[in-house]
C-alpha atoms as a PDB file:
ATOM      1  CA  MET A   1     175.776  42.072  97.145  1.00  0.00           C
ATOM      2  CA  ILE A   2     175.929  38.344  97.917  1.00  0.00           C
ATOM      3  CA  ARG A   3     174.491  37.477  94.497  1.00  0.00           C
ATOM      4  CA  GLN A   4     176.948  39.826  92.737  1.00  0.00           C
ATOM      5  CA  LEU A   5     179.898  38.186  94.487  1.00  0.00           C
ATOM      6  CA  LEU A   6     178.633  34.714  93.585  1.00  0.00           C
ATOM      7  CA  VAL A   7     178.149  35.582  89.905  1.00  0.00           C
ATOM      8  CA  ILE A   8     181.631  37.113  89.715  1.00  0.00           C
ATOM      9  CA  ALA A   9     183.120  34.007  91.344  1.00  0.00           C
ATOM     10  CA  ALA A  10     181.218  31.738  88.970  1.00  0.00           C
ATOM     11  CA  ALA A  11     182.314  33.714  85.919  1.00  0.00           C
ATOM     12  CA  SER A  12     185.953  33.502  86.909  1.00  0.00           C
ATOM     13  CA  ALA A  13     185.920  29.737  87.602  1.00  0.00           C
ATOM     14  CA  ALA A  14     188.433  27.764  85.574  1.00  0.00           C
ATOM     15  CA  GLY A  15     187.259  25.519  82.754  1.00  0.00           C
ATOM     16  CA  SER A  16     184.505  25.892  80.214  1.00  0.00           C
ATOM     17  CA  ALA A  17     182.726  22.562  80.744  1.00  0.00           C
ATOM     18  CA  LEU A  18     179.053  22.762  81.694  1.00  0.00           C
ATOM     19  CA  ALA A  19     178.403  22.117  85.385  1.00  0.00           C
ATOM     20  CA  ALA A  20     175.353  20.380  86.798  1.00  0.00           C
ATOM     21  CA  MET A  21     173.452  21.817  89.744  1.00  0.00           C
ATOM     22  CA  PRO A  22     175.498  20.909  92.834  1.00  0.00           C
ATOM     23  CA  VAL A  23     174.339  18.026  95.021  1.00  0.00           C
ATOM     24  CA  PHE A  24     175.049  18.712  98.687  1.00  0.00           C
ATOM     25  CA  VAL A  25     173.744  18.978 102.224  1.00  0.00           C
ATOM     26  CA  ALA A  26     174.581  22.017 104.356  1.00  0.00           C
ATOM     27  CA  THR A  27     173.807  23.651 107.663  1.00  0.00           C
ATOM     28  CA  CYS A  28     173.566  27.407 108.159  1.00  0.00           C
ATOM     29  CA  PRO A  29     173.367  29.655 111.242  1.00  0.00           C
ATOM     30  CA  THR A  30     169.929  30.077 112.873  1.00  0.00           C
ATOM     31  CA  ASP A  31     169.105  26.346 112.412  1.00  0.00           C
ATOM     32  CA  ILE A  32     168.809  26.318 108.622  1.00  0.00           C
ATOM     33  CA  ASN A  33     169.302  22.965 106.859  1.00  0.00           C
ATOM     34  CA  VAL A  34     169.692  22.612 103.097  1.00  0.00           C
ATOM     35  CA  ASP A  35     169.402  19.400 101.052  1.00  0.00           C
ATOM     36  CA  ALA A  36     170.047  19.709  97.301  1.00  0.00           C
ATOM     37  CA  GLY A  37     169.511  16.248  95.838  1.00  0.00           C
ATOM     38  CA  ARG A  38     170.357  14.489  92.589  1.00  0.00           C
ATOM     39  CA  SER A  39     166.879  14.938  91.094  1.00  0.00           C
ATOM     40  CA  GLY A  40     167.154  18.738  91.261  1.00  0.00           C
ATOM     41  CA  VAL A  41     164.683  18.974  94.157  1.00  0.00           C
ATOM     42  CA  VAL A  42     165.908  21.211  96.982  1.00  0.00           C
ATOM     43  CA  TYR A  43     164.665  21.235 100.574  1.00  0.00           C
ATOM     44  CA  ILE A  44     165.225  24.035 103.083  1.00  0.00           C
ATOM     45  CA  ASN A  45     164.266  22.889 106.583  1.00  0.00           C
ATOM     46  CA  GLY A  46     162.162  20.164 104.960  1.00  0.00           C
ATOM     47  CA  GLN A  47     160.271  22.636 102.741  1.00  0.00           C
ATOM     48  CA  ASN A  48     160.439  22.288  98.963  1.00  0.00           C
ATOM     49  CA  ALA A  49     162.404  25.292  97.699  1.00  0.00           C
ATOM     50  CA  ARG A  50     162.135  27.236  94.448  1.00  0.00           C
ATOM     51  CA  VAL A  51     165.268  27.088  92.308  1.00  0.00           C
ATOM     52  CA  LYS A  52     166.525  30.055  90.273  1.00  0.00           C
ATOM     53  CA  LYS A  53     169.442  29.400  87.937  1.00  0.00           C
ATOM     54  CA  TYR A  54     171.661  32.314  86.921  1.00  0.00           C
ATOM     55  CA  ASP A  55     174.132  30.220  84.931  1.00  0.00           C
ATOM     56  CA  ASP A  56     175.715  26.761  85.188  1.00  0.00           C
ATOM     57  CA  ASN A  57     177.589  27.772  88.331  1.00  0.00           C
ATOM     58  CA  ALA A  58     175.261  30.117  90.203  1.00  0.00           C
ATOM     59  CA  TYR A  59     171.889  29.341  91.793  1.00  0.00           C
ATOM     60  CA  ASP A  60     169.436  30.702  94.348  1.00  0.00           C
ATOM     61  CA  PHE A  61     167.188  28.399  96.397  1.00  0.00           C
ATOM     62  CA  LYS A  62     164.263  30.100  98.158  1.00  0.00           C
ATOM     63  CA  ALA A  63     161.739  28.847 100.722  1.00  0.00           C
ATOM     64  CA  GLY A  64     159.731  31.305 102.803  1.00  0.00           C
ATOM     65  CA  TYR A  65     161.981  34.136 103.977  1.00  0.00           C
ATOM     66  CA  ILE A  66     165.168  32.094 103.465  1.00  0.00           C
ATOM     67  CA  THR A  67     167.355  32.415 100.358  1.00  0.00           C
ATOM     68  CA  ILE A  68     170.328  30.111  99.810  1.00  0.00           C
ATOM     69  CA  SER A  69     172.883  31.364  97.275  1.00  0.00           C
ATOM     70  CA  VAL A  70     175.159  28.727  95.763  1.00  0.00           C
ATOM     71  CA  THR A  71     178.283  28.856  93.619  1.00  0.00           C
ATOM     72  CA  ASN A  72     179.179  25.546  92.000  1.00  0.00           C
ATOM     73  CA  ASN A  73     182.834  24.457  92.274  1.00  0.00           C
ATOM     74  CA  PRO A  74     183.330  21.364  90.080  1.00  0.00           C
ATOM     75  CA  GLY A  75     185.514  18.875  91.902  1.00  0.00           C
ATOM     76  CA  ARG A  76     185.060  20.404  95.355  1.00  0.00           C
ATOM     77  CA  ALA A  77     182.387  21.625  97.745  1.00  0.00           C
ATOM     78  CA  PRO A  78     180.153  24.469  96.553  1.00  0.00           C
ATOM     79  CA  ASP A  79     180.191  27.879  98.222  1.00  0.00           C
ATOM     80  CA  VAL A  80     176.908  28.312 100.095  1.00  0.00           C
ATOM     81  CA  LEU A  81     175.607  31.543 101.633  1.00  0.00           C
ATOM     82  CA  TYR A  82     172.274  32.302 103.264  1.00  0.00           C
ATOM     83  CA  THR A  83     170.013  35.317 103.676  1.00  0.00           C
ATOM     84  CA  GLY A  84     167.362  34.929 106.363  1.00  0.00           C
ATOM     85  CA  LYS A  85     164.816  36.845 108.371  1.00  0.00           C
ATOM     86  CA  GLY A  86     165.627  40.516 108.789  1.00  0.00           C
ATOM     87  CA  ARG A  87     168.214  40.090 106.000  1.00  0.00           C
ATOM     88  CA  ALA A  88     170.550  38.248 108.358  1.00  0.00           C
ATOM     89  CA  ASN A  89     173.196  36.564 106.232  1.00  0.00           C
ATOM     90  CA  GLY A  90     176.351  34.511 106.419  1.00  0.00           C
ATOM     91  CA  VAL A  91     178.232  31.419 105.328  1.00  0.00           C
ATOM     92  CA  CYS A  92     176.806  27.890 105.491  1.00  0.00           C
ATOM     93  CA  THR A  93     178.807  24.737 106.269  1.00  0.00           C
ATOM     94  CA  VAL A  94     178.669  22.014 103.600  1.00  0.00           C
ATOM     95  CA  THR A  95     178.586  18.672 105.460  1.00  0.00           C
ATOM     96  CA  GLY A  96     178.377  16.448 102.376  1.00  0.00           C
ATOM     97  CA  PHE A  97     178.567  16.871  98.614  1.00  0.00           C
ATOM     98  CA  GLU A  98     178.972  14.978  95.373  1.00  0.00           C
ATOM     99  CA  ASN A  99     181.831  15.709  93.004  1.00  0.00           C
ATOM    100  CA  ALA A 100     180.046  17.628  90.245  1.00  0.00           C
ATOM    101  CA  SER A 101     182.855  16.920  87.778  1.00  0.00           C
ATOM    102  CA  GLY A 102     182.314  13.188  88.178  1.00  0.00           C
ATOM    103  CA  ALA A 103     186.069  12.617  88.434  1.00  0.00           C
ATOM    104  CA  GLY A 104     186.811   9.382  90.198  1.00  0.00           C
ATOM    105  CA  ALA A 105     183.146   8.410  90.435  1.00  0.00           C
ATOM    106  CA  ALA A 106     182.220   4.824  89.648  1.00  0.00           C
ATOM    107  CA  GLY A 107     178.862   3.259  88.884  1.00  0.00           C
ATOM    108  CA  GLY A 108     177.077   6.577  89.257  1.00  0.00           C
ATOM    109  CA  GLN A 109     178.086   6.812  92.924  1.00  0.00           C
ATOM    110  CA  PRO A 110     179.651   9.899  94.564  1.00  0.00           C
ATOM    111  CA  ALA A 111     183.399  10.223  94.123  1.00  0.00           C
ATOM    112  CA  HIS A 112     183.777  10.649  97.892  1.00  0.00           C
ATOM    113  CA  ALA A 113     181.088   8.231  99.072  1.00  0.00           C
ATOM    114  CA  GLY A 114     182.949   6.959 102.144  1.00  0.00           C
ATOM    115  CA  GLY A 115     183.975   8.845 105.281  1.00  0.00           C
ATOM    116  CA  THR A 116     182.197  10.745 108.029  1.00  0.00           C
ATOM    117  CA  ALA A 117     180.085  13.887 108.354  1.00  0.00           C
ATOM    118  CA  THR A 118     178.076  15.804 110.947  1.00  0.00           C
ATOM    119  CA  GLY A 119     175.093  18.121 110.793  1.00  0.00           C
ATOM    120  CA  SER A 120     171.468  18.437 111.926  1.00  0.00           C
ATOM    121  CA  ILE A 121     168.265  16.796 110.699  1.00  0.00           C
ATOM    122  CA  PRO A 122     164.563  17.338 111.458  1.00  0.00           C
ATOM    123  CA  CYS A 123     163.461  15.039 114.285  1.00  0.00           C
ATOM    124  CA  ALA A 124     160.743  14.432 116.871  1.00  0.00           C
ATOM    125  CA  GLN A 125     161.278  12.279 119.945  1.00  0.00           C
ATOM    126  CA  THR A 126     157.666  11.577 120.966  1.00  0.00           C
ATOM    127  CA  LYS A 127     154.368  10.968 119.203  1.00  0.00           C
ATOM    128  CA  GLY A 128     152.644  14.207 118.189  1.00  0.00           C
ATOM    129  CA  GLN A 129     155.687  16.354 118.985  1.00  0.00           C
ATOM    130  CA  PRO A 130     156.511  19.048 116.394  1.00  0.00           C
ATOM    131  CA  MET A 131     159.676  18.431 114.414  1.00  0.00           C
ATOM    132  CA  GLY A 132     162.779  20.111 115.764  1.00  0.00           C
ATOM    133  CA  GLN A 133     166.466  19.757 114.915  1.00  0.00           C
ATOM    134  CA  CYS A 134     168.768  16.986 116.182  1.00  0.00           C
ATOM    135  CA  PRO A 135     172.550  16.804 115.681  1.00  0.00           C
ATOM    136  CA  PHE A 136     173.796  13.745 113.819  1.00  0.00           C
ATOM    137  CA  SER A 137     177.002  12.065 112.782  1.00  0.00           C
ATOM    138  CA  VAL A 138     177.268   9.551 109.970  1.00  0.00           C
ATOM    139  CA  GLU A 139     179.818   6.847 109.206  1.00  0.00           C
ATOM    140  CA  ARG A 140     179.711   5.972 105.502  1.00  0.00           C
ATOM    141  CA  ALA A 141     180.974   2.727 104.016  1.00  0.00           C
ATOM    142  CA  GLY A 142     180.133   3.911 100.474  1.00  0.00           C
ATOM    143  CA  GLN A 143     177.552   2.913  97.884  1.00  0.00           C
ATOM    144  CA  GLY A 144     174.690   4.117 100.142  1.00  0.00           C
ATOM    145  CA  THR A 145     175.666   1.953 103.130  1.00  0.00           C
ATOM    146  CA  ALA A 146     176.024   3.966 106.343  1.00  0.00           C
ATOM    147  CA  THR A 147     175.267   4.243 110.047  1.00  0.00           C
ATOM    148  CA  LEU A 148     173.594   7.506 111.083  1.00  0.00           C
ATOM    149  CA  THR A 149     173.734   8.328 114.801  1.00  0.00           C
ATOM    150  CA  VAL A 150     171.331  10.988 116.066  1.00  0.00           C
ATOM    151  CA  SER A 151     171.660  12.800 119.403  1.00  0.00           C
ATOM    152  CA  LEU A 152     168.190  13.128 120.954  1.00  0.00           C
ATOM    153  CA  PRO A 153     167.077  16.051 123.144  1.00  0.00           C
ATOM    154  CA  ASP A 154     167.082  13.866 126.291  1.00  0.00           C
ATOM    155  CA  GLY A 155     170.744  12.932 125.733  1.00  0.00           C
ATOM    156  CA  ARG A 156     170.146   9.462 124.295  1.00  0.00           C
ATOM    157  CA  LYS A 157     171.498   8.436 120.912  1.00  0.00           C
ATOM    158  CA  ARG A 158     169.695   6.574 118.138  1.00  0.00           C
ATOM    159  CA  SER A 159     171.533   4.716 115.376  1.00  0.00           C
ATOM    160  CA  ILE A 160     169.798   4.184 112.031  1.00  0.00           C
ATOM    161  CA  PHE A 161     171.267   1.750 109.543  1.00  0.00           C
ATOM    162  CA  PHE A 162     171.299   2.157 105.764  1.00  0.00           C
ATOM    163  CA  GLU A 163     172.248  -0.493 103.227  1.00  0.00           C
ATOM    164  CA  LYS A 164     172.654   0.193  99.510  1.00  0.00           C
ATOM    165  CA  GLY A 165     170.600   3.376  99.705  1.00  0.00           C
ATOM    166  CA  LYS A 166     167.783   1.966 101.868  1.00  0.00           C
ATOM    167  CA  ALA A 167     166.980   2.613 105.529  1.00  0.00           C
ATOM    168  CA  ILE A 168     166.726  -0.900 106.964  1.00  0.00           C
ATOM    169  CA  ALA A 169     166.732  -0.731 110.790  1.00  0.00           C
ATOM    170  CA  ALA A 170     167.426   1.198 113.987  1.00  0.00           C
ATOM    171  CA  ASP A 171     168.957   0.118 117.301  1.00  0.00           C
ATOM    172  CA  LEU A 172     165.585  -0.158 119.054  1.00  0.00           C
ATOM    173  CA  SER A 173     165.072  -2.310 122.140  1.00  0.00           C
ATOM    174  CA  GLN A 174     162.204  -3.305 124.420  1.00  0.00           C
ATOM    175  CA  ALA A 175     163.215  -0.427 126.700  1.00  0.00           C
ATOM    176  CA  ASP A 176     161.995   1.964 123.988  1.00  0.00           C
ATOM    177  CA  GLY A 177     158.453   0.641 124.424  1.00  0.00           C
ATOM    178  CA  ASP A 178     157.850   0.430 120.668  1.00  0.00           C
ATOM    179  CA  MET A 179     160.204  -1.430 118.340  1.00  0.00           C
ATOM    180  CA  THR A 180     158.370  -0.532 115.125  1.00  0.00           C
ATOM    181  CA  PHE A 181     160.641   0.627 112.307  1.00  0.00           C
ATOM    182  CA  LYS A 182     159.222   2.152 109.130  1.00  0.00           C
ATOM    183  CA  ALA A 183     160.982   4.047 106.358  1.00  0.00           C
ATOM    184  CA  SER A 184     159.851   5.658 103.129  1.00  0.00           C
ATOM    185  CA  LYS A 185     161.489   7.947 100.628  1.00  0.00           C
ATOM    186  CA  GLU A 186     160.113  11.019  98.875  1.00  0.00           C
ATOM    187  CA  ALA A 187     162.402  12.421  96.186  1.00  0.00           C
ATOM    188  CA  ASP A 188     165.746  12.814  98.024  1.00  0.00           C
ATOM    189  CA  LEU A 189     164.365  12.641 101.564  1.00  0.00           C
ATOM    190  CA  PHE A 190     164.095   9.568 103.816  1.00  0.00           C
ATOM    191  CA  ARG A 191     161.148   9.717 106.241  1.00  0.00           C
ATOM    192  CA  ILE A 192     161.810   7.358 109.122  1.00  0.00           C
ATOM    193  CA  ARG A 193     159.805   6.237 112.138  1.00  0.00           C
ATOM    194  CA  ALA A 194     161.733   4.394 114.847  1.00  0.00           C
ATOM    195  CA  GLY A 195     159.393   3.556 117.700  1.00  0.00           C
ATOM    196  CA  HIS A 196     157.777   6.858 118.700  1.00  0.00           C
ATOM    197  CA  GLU A 197     160.589   8.871 117.095  1.00  0.00           C
ATOM    198  CA  ARG A 198     160.468  10.482 113.651  1.00  0.00           C
ATOM    199  CA  TYR A 199     163.340  11.575 111.444  1.00  0.00           C
ATOM    200  CA  GLU A 200     163.794  13.236 108.058  1.00  0.00           C
ATOM    201  CA  VAL A 201     167.155  12.334 106.556  1.00  0.00           C
ATOM    202  CA  PRO A 202     168.428  13.926 103.321  1.00  0.00           C
ATOM    203  CA  GLU A 203     169.851  11.413 100.848  1.00  0.00           C
ATOM    204  CA  ALA A 204     173.058  13.432 100.572  1.00  0.00           C
ATOM    205  CA  ALA A 205     173.775  12.769 104.252  1.00  0.00           C
ATOM    206  CA  ILE A 206     173.972   9.048 103.476  1.00  0.00           C
ATOM    207  CA  PHE A 207     175.728   9.094 100.106  1.00  0.00           C
ATOM    208  CA  GLY A 208     177.925  11.983 101.210  1.00  0.00           C
ATOM    209  CA  GLY A 209     180.581  13.876  99.407  1.00  0.00           C
END
């Protein structure tokens, strides 16, 4: 039923121009996080998802028992629905997206690069701890420059700084016991170590929508 509704909505969308696969980050009920990046690679809770295209405006992303159904809306946020374990389903919240129509975009950057957003990212507070989910907020200056603030399970906050699309530092101090900062990027996912903490940050959270 969800797929039928999405296809009908896509078919009735105004305009005949071809639409690219939407670029966005979203959160869904039951701690589901979706990162659809510019390269066409999609992550669901950090797992590489299979992509099924129905037409230029309708897609399914699948990883494990989770299916994310997406309707592209050029010029505005896509419609994102999920189907999970036991066929639980509902509406996801898009926390950042790129304008698929490209209107107003400059230099290949998102049309709405600045601003703020909130969501959750995979995180671990101590060495050897399994990754969980941590709430975050991000303040974007545009062009890949942003400050991401993560709320840790013990109530502390960690700020991670990005400049021109690169993770460059975190607000570590001697009180943290380890001031090491390392960052790498795989496809559209930043993997960050700040002291004993680990984070996985989708690119769309930094470039925004």
